[in-house]
Each structure stands twice: as C-alpha cells, then as structure tokens.
Amino acid sequence: MSTPPPQGNPFAQNQPQGQNPFAQGQPQAPYPPQAGQPGGAPFAPAPPEPARRKLSFKTIKNIAIAVIVVGVVVGGYIASQDDANTAAVGDCMHRGSADDNNPDLEVVDCSSSDAEFVVLAKVKGSYTALTAESKCASEAEDFQYSYTETGDGSNFLLCLKDYTK
C-alpha cells in the first residue's frame, strides 16, 4: 500500500497544518467605525465645499469694458473742468485754437504765461453775434471780445478783454 502525498506547501518548514503560510504574524485590525454607527464619531461628516466658479471670458470682457467706460467718463469730466463754461468773472483765459469759430477757451491761472484774456462778465442765455456785442457793452464797458456758447444745455456769453500783467 502506498501513502498519500502530503497536503499543503511542500517547501514550508515548521508550519502548522491548515494555516495560511503567507499570513503575517500580526492580527488584522478591524475597519474604523463609520459616522452614524454605534461606536462612531459623535459628529456628522463635513459637507463638501462648493465648487469654485471660474471667471468666464465674457465676465472678464464686461469688467474690462466697464473700467474703460468709467475711465473715459472721469477723464472727460476732469478735462472739462477748465473749459469756458466753468469760467467766472475775474478768471483768466487761454485760447487753445486759432480757429475763430472754435477758439477752445480754457480757464488758466492768471499768474501763468498762458493767460491771454480776463473775464469781465458772464451772462446766461443764448446770443447771436450782434446781440452779444450789445449785451457785453451794457455789462462791461471796456470789453474787447465776446464769446458765446450754445447747444450743450449751458448757453452763456463771456465778455473778455486782453490780460496784461
């Protein structure tokens, strides 16, 4: 009679029969307790953070356009602060253009070398060339020039004379 072949790993030495020869010598730890289960953590899991929205090209474009528009408006306002419509009696003026139809008068400091004229009178209203001359004659006797501005909501007449230092 023959003996049956041995069971298990023929290369294992000193291994007890019926155990896994590849097992580590330590006991396996159980999984950690889950929240909401007995023996688990006393707090609920934190909700996931909301996804961050990326700025789209359209949003960036709209912001850039808004910044440009605000810049143009502020720049226009600052540039218009020395226009003829802000002039008052006693202010000095500078002619920015040689064109008689649009002399581009600007308010300047009277101590400036650009000061060419002084405002003798400022009269609200709309005037033609003929009525402007007679109005300036009645408002300021020694005027030399008249300047009228109309059409932008602030119609007025300036009576000017040469400024001498």
N, C-alpha and C. Protein backbone atom coordinates (compact mmCIF):
# COMPACT_ATOMS: atom_id res chain seq x y z
N MET A 1 0.79 -1.15 0.00
CA MET A 1 0.00 0.00 0.00
C MET A 1 0.85 1.24 0.00
N SER A 2 0.35 2.27 -0.66
CA SER A 2 1.12 3.49 -0.79
C SER A 2 0.52 4.57 0.10
N THR A 3 1.31 5.51 0.47
CA THR A 3 0.85 6.61 1.33
C THR A 3 0.45 7.79 0.45
N PRO A 4 -0.56 8.49 0.90
CA PRO A 4 -0.99 9.64 0.07
C PRO A 4 0.05 10.76 0.16
N PRO A 5 0.10 11.63 -0.85
CA PRO A 5 1.05 12.75 -0.82
C PRO A 5 0.68 13.73 0.29
N PRO A 6 1.64 14.40 0.86
CA PRO A 6 1.36 15.35 1.93
C PRO A 6 0.56 16.55 1.40
N GLN A 7 -0.32 17.13 2.21
CA GLN A 7 -1.15 18.28 1.84
C GLN A 7 -0.40 19.57 2.21
N GLY A 8 -0.69 20.69 1.47
CA GLY A 8 -0.09 21.98 1.80
C GLY A 8 1.18 22.23 1.00
N ASN A 9 1.94 23.16 1.47
CA ASN A 9 3.14 23.61 0.80
C ASN A 9 4.28 22.66 1.13
N PRO A 10 4.86 22.01 0.09
CA PRO A 10 5.94 21.09 0.38
C PRO A 10 7.20 21.80 0.84
N PHE A 11 7.31 23.17 0.57
CA PHE A 11 8.51 23.91 0.94
C PHE A 11 8.40 24.57 2.30
N ALA A 12 7.23 24.52 2.90
CA ALA A 12 7.04 25.15 4.20
C ALA A 12 7.73 24.33 5.26
N GLN A 13 8.40 25.03 6.12
CA GLN A 13 9.07 24.34 7.20
C GLN A 13 8.45 24.78 8.52
N ASN A 14 8.24 23.88 9.34
CA ASN A 14 7.70 24.11 10.68
C ASN A 14 6.40 24.91 10.65
N GLN A 15 5.57 24.76 9.65
CA GLN A 15 4.27 25.42 9.58
C GLN A 15 3.23 24.46 10.10
N PRO A 16 2.37 24.94 10.99
CA PRO A 16 1.30 24.05 11.42
C PRO A 16 0.34 23.80 10.26
N GLN A 17 -0.25 22.68 10.23
CA GLN A 17 -1.18 22.31 9.16
C GLN A 17 -2.44 23.14 9.23
N GLY A 18 -3.01 23.56 8.06
CA GLY A 18 -4.29 24.22 7.97
C GLY A 18 -4.22 25.74 8.07
N GLN A 19 -3.04 26.39 8.21
CA GLN A 19 -2.96 27.84 8.28
C GLN A 19 -2.33 28.36 7.00
N ASN A 20 -2.63 29.64 6.74
CA ASN A 20 -2.08 30.28 5.55
C ASN A 20 -0.60 30.50 5.76
N PRO A 21 0.23 29.95 4.90
CA PRO A 21 1.67 30.12 5.09
C PRO A 21 2.14 31.54 4.78
N PHE A 22 1.32 32.35 4.07
CA PHE A 22 1.72 33.71 3.68
C PHE A 22 1.20 34.77 4.65
N ALA A 23 0.50 34.41 5.65
CA ALA A 23 -0.08 35.38 6.59
C ALA A 23 1.02 35.99 7.44
N GLN A 24 0.82 37.25 7.77
CA GLN A 24 1.75 37.94 8.65
C GLN A 24 1.48 37.47 10.07
N GLY A 25 2.39 37.74 10.93
CA GLY A 25 2.26 37.27 12.29
C GLY A 25 1.36 38.16 13.14
N GLN A 26 0.81 39.28 12.60
CA GLN A 26 0.01 40.20 13.39
C GLN A 26 -1.46 39.98 13.09
N PRO A 27 -2.32 40.22 14.09
CA PRO A 27 -3.74 40.11 13.80
C PRO A 27 -4.19 41.30 12.96
N GLN A 28 -5.16 41.08 12.09
CA GLN A 28 -5.64 42.14 11.20
C GLN A 28 -6.56 43.07 11.98
N ALA A 29 -6.34 44.43 11.84
CA ALA A 29 -7.14 45.41 12.56
C ALA A 29 -8.49 45.55 11.88
N PRO A 30 -9.55 45.76 12.67
CA PRO A 30 -10.87 45.96 12.04
C PRO A 30 -10.94 47.34 11.41
N TYR A 31 -11.88 47.54 10.49
CA TYR A 31 -12.07 48.85 9.85
C TYR A 31 -12.50 49.86 10.90
N PRO A 32 -12.15 51.16 10.75
CA PRO A 32 -12.56 52.15 11.74
C PRO A 32 -14.08 52.31 11.70
N PRO A 33 -14.68 52.65 12.83
CA PRO A 33 -16.14 52.78 12.84
C PRO A 33 -16.58 53.94 11.98
N GLN A 34 -17.71 53.81 11.30
CA GLN A 34 -18.26 54.84 10.43
C GLN A 34 -19.13 55.78 11.26
N ALA A 35 -19.25 57.04 10.80
CA ALA A 35 -20.08 58.01 11.49
C ALA A 35 -21.53 57.58 11.41
N GLY A 36 -22.26 57.79 12.47
CA GLY A 36 -23.66 57.41 12.48
C GLY A 36 -23.88 55.98 12.92
N GLN A 37 -22.82 55.19 13.07
CA GLN A 37 -22.93 53.82 13.55
C GLN A 37 -22.54 53.79 15.01
N PRO A 38 -23.01 52.82 15.74
CA PRO A 38 -22.63 52.76 17.14
C PRO A 38 -21.12 52.67 17.28
N GLY A 39 -20.60 53.45 18.18
CA GLY A 39 -19.15 53.45 18.40
C GLY A 39 -18.43 54.40 17.46
N GLY A 40 -19.17 55.12 16.58
CA GLY A 40 -18.56 56.04 15.61
C GLY A 40 -18.33 57.41 16.22
N ALA A 41 -17.88 58.37 15.41
CA ALA A 41 -17.61 59.72 15.88
C ALA A 41 -18.92 60.42 16.22
N PRO A 42 -18.93 61.32 17.22
CA PRO A 42 -20.17 61.96 17.64
C PRO A 42 -20.61 63.11 16.73
N PHE A 43 -19.93 63.38 15.65
CA PHE A 43 -20.28 64.50 14.76
C PHE A 43 -20.55 63.98 13.36
N ALA A 44 -21.33 64.79 12.62
CA ALA A 44 -21.66 64.42 11.25
C ALA A 44 -20.50 64.79 10.34
N PRO A 45 -20.36 64.13 9.22
CA PRO A 45 -19.28 64.49 8.30
C PRO A 45 -19.49 65.90 7.75
N ALA A 46 -18.39 66.60 7.47
CA ALA A 46 -18.47 67.95 6.93
C ALA A 46 -19.02 67.90 5.51
N PRO A 47 -19.90 68.86 5.16
CA PRO A 47 -20.41 68.86 3.79
C PRO A 47 -19.28 69.21 2.83
N PRO A 48 -19.36 68.74 1.62
CA PRO A 48 -18.30 69.05 0.66
C PRO A 48 -18.31 70.54 0.33
N GLU A 49 -17.13 71.11 0.06
CA GLU A 49 -17.04 72.52 -0.28
C GLU A 49 -17.65 72.75 -1.65
N PRO A 50 -18.36 73.88 -1.83
CA PRO A 50 -18.95 74.14 -3.14
C PRO A 50 -17.85 74.37 -4.18
N ALA A 51 -18.12 73.97 -5.39
CA ALA A 51 -17.14 74.13 -6.46
C ALA A 51 -16.95 75.62 -6.75
N ARG A 52 -15.73 76.05 -6.94
CA ARG A 52 -15.44 77.45 -7.25
C ARG A 52 -15.73 77.71 -8.72
N ARG A 53 -16.42 78.84 -8.97
CA ARG A 53 -16.72 79.20 -10.35
C ARG A 53 -15.53 79.92 -10.95
N LYS A 54 -15.14 79.54 -12.11
CA LYS A 54 -14.08 80.24 -12.82
C LYS A 54 -14.69 81.42 -13.55
N LEU A 55 -13.91 82.51 -13.64
CA LEU A 55 -14.39 83.67 -14.38
C LEU A 55 -14.36 83.34 -15.87
N SER A 56 -15.47 83.58 -16.51
CA SER A 56 -15.54 83.30 -17.93
C SER A 56 -14.96 84.48 -18.71
N PHE A 57 -14.67 84.25 -19.96
CA PHE A 57 -14.15 85.30 -20.83
C PHE A 57 -15.14 86.44 -20.92
N LYS A 58 -16.43 86.12 -20.97
CA LYS A 58 -17.48 87.13 -21.08
C LYS A 58 -17.47 88.04 -19.85
N THR A 59 -17.33 87.46 -18.66
CA THR A 59 -17.30 88.25 -17.44
C THR A 59 -16.09 89.16 -17.41
N ILE A 60 -14.94 88.65 -17.77
CA ILE A 60 -13.71 89.45 -17.79
C ILE A 60 -13.84 90.58 -18.81
N LYS A 61 -14.40 90.28 -19.96
CA LYS A 61 -14.60 91.29 -21.01
C LYS A 61 -15.53 92.39 -20.51
N ASN A 62 -16.63 92.04 -19.85
CA ASN A 62 -17.58 93.03 -19.35
C ASN A 62 -16.95 93.90 -18.27
N ILE A 63 -16.13 93.31 -17.42
CA ILE A 63 -15.45 94.10 -16.39
C ILE A 63 -14.47 95.08 -17.05
N ALA A 64 -13.74 94.62 -18.03
CA ALA A 64 -12.78 95.49 -18.73
C ALA A 64 -13.50 96.65 -19.43
N ILE A 65 -14.62 96.38 -20.06
CA ILE A 65 -15.39 97.44 -20.73
C ILE A 65 -15.90 98.45 -19.72
N ALA A 66 -16.39 97.97 -18.58
CA ALA A 66 -16.89 98.87 -17.54
C ALA A 66 -15.78 99.78 -17.02
N VAL A 67 -14.58 99.21 -16.82
CA VAL A 67 -13.45 100.01 -16.34
C VAL A 67 -13.07 101.07 -17.37
N ILE A 68 -13.08 100.72 -18.65
CA ILE A 68 -12.74 101.68 -19.70
C ILE A 68 -13.77 102.80 -19.76
N VAL A 69 -15.05 102.45 -19.69
CA VAL A 69 -16.10 103.47 -19.74
C VAL A 69 -15.98 104.43 -18.56
N VAL A 70 -15.75 103.89 -17.37
CA VAL A 70 -15.59 104.76 -16.19
C VAL A 70 -14.38 105.66 -16.37
N GLY A 71 -13.29 105.12 -16.90
CA GLY A 71 -12.09 105.92 -17.14
C GLY A 71 -12.34 107.06 -18.12
N VAL A 72 -13.07 106.80 -19.19
CA VAL A 72 -13.38 107.83 -20.18
C VAL A 72 -14.26 108.92 -19.56
N VAL A 73 -15.26 108.50 -18.78
CA VAL A 73 -16.16 109.48 -18.15
C VAL A 73 -15.38 110.36 -17.16
N VAL A 74 -14.57 109.74 -16.33
CA VAL A 74 -13.79 110.51 -15.35
C VAL A 74 -12.78 111.42 -16.07
N GLY A 75 -12.13 110.90 -17.10
CA GLY A 75 -11.18 111.71 -17.86
C GLY A 75 -11.86 112.90 -18.54
N GLY A 76 -13.04 112.67 -19.11
CA GLY A 76 -13.79 113.76 -19.74
C GLY A 76 -14.22 114.81 -18.73
N TYR A 77 -14.63 114.34 -17.56
CA TYR A 77 -15.04 115.29 -16.52
C TYR A 77 -13.86 116.15 -16.07
N ILE A 78 -12.72 115.50 -15.85
CA ILE A 78 -11.54 116.24 -15.42
C ILE A 78 -11.08 117.21 -16.51
N ALA A 79 -11.11 116.76 -17.76
CA ALA A 79 -10.67 117.63 -18.86
C ALA A 79 -11.61 118.82 -19.05
N SER A 80 -12.89 118.65 -18.72
CA SER A 80 -13.84 119.74 -18.93
C SER A 80 -13.82 120.76 -17.80
N GLN A 81 -13.08 120.51 -16.74
CA GLN A 81 -13.07 121.43 -15.61
C GLN A 81 -12.42 122.76 -15.93
N ASP A 82 -11.64 122.83 -16.99
CA ASP A 82 -11.03 124.11 -17.34
C ASP A 82 -11.64 124.70 -18.61
N ASP A 83 -12.83 124.23 -19.01
CA ASP A 83 -13.50 124.76 -20.18
C ASP A 83 -14.12 126.12 -19.86
N ALA A 84 -14.55 126.79 -20.92
CA ALA A 84 -15.12 128.13 -20.78
C ALA A 84 -16.38 128.13 -19.93
N ASN A 85 -17.13 127.02 -19.91
CA ASN A 85 -18.38 127.02 -19.13
C ASN A 85 -18.14 127.06 -17.63
N THR A 86 -16.91 126.81 -17.18
CA THR A 86 -16.59 126.91 -15.75
C THR A 86 -16.01 128.28 -15.39
N ALA A 87 -15.85 129.17 -16.38
CA ALA A 87 -15.25 130.47 -16.13
C ALA A 87 -16.17 131.35 -15.29
N ALA A 88 -15.56 132.19 -14.50
CA ALA A 88 -16.28 133.16 -13.67
C ALA A 88 -15.63 134.53 -13.88
N VAL A 89 -16.31 135.56 -13.46
CA VAL A 89 -15.78 136.92 -13.59
C VAL A 89 -14.46 137.00 -12.83
N GLY A 90 -13.44 137.53 -13.51
CA GLY A 90 -12.11 137.67 -12.91
C GLY A 90 -11.16 136.55 -13.29
N ASP A 91 -11.68 135.45 -13.88
CA ASP A 91 -10.81 134.35 -14.32
C ASP A 91 -10.02 134.75 -15.55
N CYS A 92 -8.85 134.15 -15.70
CA CYS A 92 -8.05 134.36 -16.89
C CYS A 92 -8.27 133.20 -17.85
N MET A 93 -8.20 133.50 -19.13
CA MET A 93 -8.50 132.50 -20.17
C MET A 93 -7.32 132.39 -21.13
N HIS A 94 -7.23 131.23 -21.74
CA HIS A 94 -6.21 130.95 -22.76
C HIS A 94 -6.94 130.42 -23.99
N ARG A 95 -6.52 130.90 -25.15
CA ARG A 95 -7.11 130.44 -26.41
C ARG A 95 -6.29 129.26 -26.90
N GLY A 96 -6.94 128.07 -26.98
CA GLY A 96 -6.24 126.85 -27.37
C GLY A 96 -6.22 126.59 -28.86
N SER A 97 -6.97 127.38 -29.65
CA SER A 97 -7.06 127.15 -31.08
C SER A 97 -7.08 128.48 -31.81
N ALA A 98 -6.53 128.52 -33.02
CA ALA A 98 -6.53 129.74 -33.83
C ALA A 98 -7.84 129.89 -34.61
N ASP A 99 -8.69 128.88 -34.57
CA ASP A 99 -9.96 128.90 -35.30
C ASP A 99 -10.94 129.85 -34.60
N ASP A 100 -11.41 130.88 -35.31
CA ASP A 100 -12.34 131.85 -34.71
C ASP A 100 -13.69 131.24 -34.40
N ASN A 101 -14.10 130.21 -35.13
CA ASN A 101 -15.38 129.56 -34.88
C ASN A 101 -15.33 128.64 -33.65
N ASN A 102 -14.16 128.17 -33.29
CA ASN A 102 -14.00 127.32 -32.12
C ASN A 102 -12.66 127.65 -31.46
N PRO A 103 -12.60 128.73 -30.67
CA PRO A 103 -11.32 129.14 -30.09
C PRO A 103 -10.82 128.25 -28.97
N ASP A 104 -11.63 127.32 -28.46
CA ASP A 104 -11.23 126.38 -27.41
C ASP A 104 -10.66 127.12 -26.19
N LEU A 105 -11.48 128.00 -25.63
CA LEU A 105 -11.06 128.77 -24.45
C LEU A 105 -10.96 127.87 -23.23
N GLU A 106 -9.90 128.08 -22.46
CA GLU A 106 -9.67 127.32 -21.24
C GLU A 106 -9.35 128.29 -20.10
N VAL A 107 -9.83 127.95 -18.90
CA VAL A 107 -9.50 128.73 -17.72
C VAL A 107 -8.07 128.38 -17.30
N VAL A 108 -7.26 129.41 -17.08
CA VAL A 108 -5.88 129.21 -16.63
C VAL A 108 -5.63 130.13 -15.43
N ASP A 109 -4.57 129.86 -14.71
CA ASP A 109 -4.19 130.71 -13.59
C ASP A 109 -3.68 132.03 -14.14
N CYS A 110 -4.06 133.12 -13.51
CA CYS A 110 -3.66 134.45 -14.01
C CYS A 110 -2.16 134.68 -13.90
N SER A 111 -1.47 133.93 -13.06
CA SER A 111 -0.02 134.07 -12.96
C SER A 111 0.70 133.26 -14.03
N SER A 112 -0.05 132.49 -14.79
CA SER A 112 0.53 131.65 -15.85
C SER A 112 0.89 132.49 -17.06
N SER A 113 1.91 132.05 -17.79
CA SER A 113 2.29 132.74 -19.02
C SER A 113 1.27 132.51 -20.13
N ASP A 114 0.35 131.54 -19.94
CA ASP A 114 -0.68 131.26 -20.94
C ASP A 114 -1.86 132.22 -20.84
N ALA A 115 -1.97 132.99 -19.79
CA ALA A 115 -3.11 133.88 -19.60
C ALA A 115 -3.12 134.94 -20.70
N GLU A 116 -4.22 134.98 -21.48
CA GLU A 116 -4.33 135.94 -22.59
C GLU A 116 -5.49 136.91 -22.37
N PHE A 117 -6.58 136.45 -21.75
CA PHE A 117 -7.78 137.27 -21.58
C PHE A 117 -8.25 137.19 -20.14
N VAL A 118 -9.03 138.18 -19.74
CA VAL A 118 -9.66 138.18 -18.43
C VAL A 118 -11.17 138.31 -18.67
N VAL A 119 -11.96 137.58 -17.85
CA VAL A 119 -13.42 137.60 -17.99
C VAL A 119 -13.95 138.81 -17.23
N LEU A 120 -14.66 139.68 -17.95
CA LEU A 120 -15.26 140.85 -17.34
C LEU A 120 -16.71 140.60 -16.93
N ALA A 121 -17.41 139.74 -17.70
CA ALA A 121 -18.82 139.44 -17.39
C ALA A 121 -19.16 138.07 -17.96
N LYS A 122 -20.06 137.39 -17.27
CA LYS A 122 -20.61 136.12 -17.76
C LYS A 122 -22.12 136.22 -17.65
N VAL A 123 -22.80 136.07 -18.80
CA VAL A 123 -24.24 136.25 -18.85
C VAL A 123 -24.87 134.97 -19.38
N LYS A 124 -25.86 134.46 -18.66
CA LYS A 124 -26.56 133.25 -19.11
C LYS A 124 -27.54 133.62 -20.22
N GLY A 125 -27.71 132.69 -21.14
CA GLY A 125 -28.66 132.89 -22.23
C GLY A 125 -28.01 132.64 -23.58
N SER A 126 -28.83 132.66 -24.62
CA SER A 126 -28.36 132.42 -25.98
C SER A 126 -28.30 133.75 -26.73
N TYR A 127 -27.16 134.04 -27.36
CA TYR A 127 -26.96 135.32 -28.03
C TYR A 127 -26.37 135.10 -29.42
N THR A 128 -26.77 135.94 -30.35
CA THR A 128 -26.16 135.97 -31.68
C THR A 128 -24.97 136.90 -31.60
N ALA A 129 -24.20 137.03 -32.66
CA ALA A 129 -23.02 137.89 -32.65
C ALA A 129 -23.41 139.34 -32.40
N LEU A 130 -24.50 139.82 -33.02
CA LEU A 130 -24.93 141.21 -32.86
C LEU A 130 -25.46 141.47 -31.44
N THR A 131 -26.29 140.55 -30.93
CA THR A 131 -26.83 140.76 -29.59
C THR A 131 -25.76 140.57 -28.52
N ALA A 132 -24.76 139.75 -28.78
CA ALA A 132 -23.67 139.54 -27.82
C ALA A 132 -22.87 140.82 -27.64
N GLU A 133 -22.59 141.52 -28.73
CA GLU A 133 -21.83 142.77 -28.65
C GLU A 133 -22.58 143.81 -27.82
N SER A 134 -23.87 143.95 -28.07
CA SER A 134 -24.64 144.96 -27.32
C SER A 134 -24.80 144.56 -25.86
N LYS A 135 -24.95 143.27 -25.58
CA LYS A 135 -25.08 142.81 -24.20
C LYS A 135 -23.78 143.05 -23.45
N CYS A 136 -22.63 142.75 -24.06
CA CYS A 136 -21.34 142.97 -23.41
C CYS A 136 -21.09 144.47 -23.19
N ALA A 137 -21.54 145.30 -24.13
CA ALA A 137 -21.38 146.75 -23.97
C ALA A 137 -22.14 147.24 -22.75
N SER A 138 -23.31 146.64 -22.48
CA SER A 138 -24.09 147.07 -21.32
C SER A 138 -23.58 146.44 -20.01
N GLU A 139 -22.95 145.27 -20.08
CA GLU A 139 -22.47 144.56 -18.88
C GLU A 139 -21.05 144.96 -18.48
N ALA A 140 -20.18 145.21 -19.47
CA ALA A 140 -18.77 145.54 -19.21
C ALA A 140 -18.32 146.56 -20.24
N GLU A 141 -18.13 147.79 -19.81
CA GLU A 141 -17.84 148.89 -20.74
C GLU A 141 -16.57 148.69 -21.54
N ASP A 142 -15.52 148.22 -20.92
CA ASP A 142 -14.22 148.14 -21.61
C ASP A 142 -13.92 146.76 -22.19
N PHE A 143 -14.98 145.99 -22.54
CA PHE A 143 -14.74 144.66 -23.13
C PHE A 143 -14.14 144.82 -24.53
N GLN A 144 -13.42 143.81 -24.98
CA GLN A 144 -12.84 143.82 -26.32
C GLN A 144 -13.37 142.66 -27.17
N TYR A 145 -13.70 141.55 -26.53
CA TYR A 145 -14.12 140.35 -27.25
C TYR A 145 -15.35 139.75 -26.57
N SER A 146 -16.18 139.09 -27.38
CA SER A 146 -17.31 138.35 -26.81
C SER A 146 -17.19 136.90 -27.28
N TYR A 147 -17.58 136.01 -26.41
CA TYR A 147 -17.54 134.57 -26.71
C TYR A 147 -18.88 134.00 -26.29
N THR A 148 -19.57 133.33 -27.22
CA THR A 148 -20.85 132.71 -26.91
C THR A 148 -20.73 131.20 -27.03
N GLU A 149 -21.47 130.51 -26.17
CA GLU A 149 -21.51 129.05 -26.25
C GLU A 149 -22.96 128.64 -26.12
N THR A 150 -23.40 127.79 -27.06
CA THR A 150 -24.79 127.31 -27.06
C THR A 150 -24.82 125.85 -27.46
N GLY A 151 -25.94 125.20 -27.14
CA GLY A 151 -26.17 123.87 -27.67
C GLY A 151 -25.93 122.72 -26.72
N ASP A 152 -25.18 122.89 -25.67
CA ASP A 152 -24.93 121.75 -24.77
C ASP A 152 -25.68 121.89 -23.46
N GLY A 153 -26.70 122.71 -23.44
CA GLY A 153 -27.50 122.87 -22.23
C GLY A 153 -27.04 124.02 -21.37
N SER A 154 -25.85 124.55 -21.61
CA SER A 154 -25.37 125.69 -20.82
C SER A 154 -25.06 126.83 -21.77
N ASN A 155 -26.09 127.58 -22.16
CA ASN A 155 -25.93 128.71 -23.06
C ASN A 155 -25.47 129.92 -22.25
N PHE A 156 -24.38 130.56 -22.69
CA PHE A 156 -23.87 131.71 -21.96
C PHE A 156 -23.02 132.58 -22.89
N LEU A 157 -22.71 133.77 -22.38
CA LEU A 157 -21.90 134.76 -23.09
C LEU A 157 -20.78 135.20 -22.16
N LEU A 158 -19.56 135.22 -22.68
CA LEU A 158 -18.42 135.75 -21.92
C LEU A 158 -17.98 137.06 -22.56
N CYS A 159 -17.79 138.06 -21.76
CA CYS A 159 -17.24 139.34 -22.22
C CYS A 159 -15.79 139.40 -21.74
N LEU A 160 -14.86 139.53 -22.69
CA LEU A 160 -13.43 139.40 -22.38
C LEU A 160 -12.66 140.65 -22.79
N LYS A 161 -11.50 140.82 -22.20
CA LYS A 161 -10.55 141.81 -22.67
C LYS A 161 -9.14 141.23 -22.51
N ASP A 162 -8.17 141.79 -23.21
CA ASP A 162 -6.79 141.32 -23.13
C ASP A 162 -6.30 141.42 -21.69
N TYR A 163 -5.53 140.39 -21.30
CA TYR A 163 -4.99 140.38 -19.95
C TYR A 163 -3.58 140.94 -20.00
N THR A 164 -3.30 141.91 -19.16
CA THR A 164 -1.95 142.47 -19.04
C THR A 164 -1.49 142.28 -17.61
N LYS A 165 -0.26 141.86 -17.49
CA LYS A 165 0.30 141.60 -16.15
C LYS A 165 0.82 142.84 -15.51
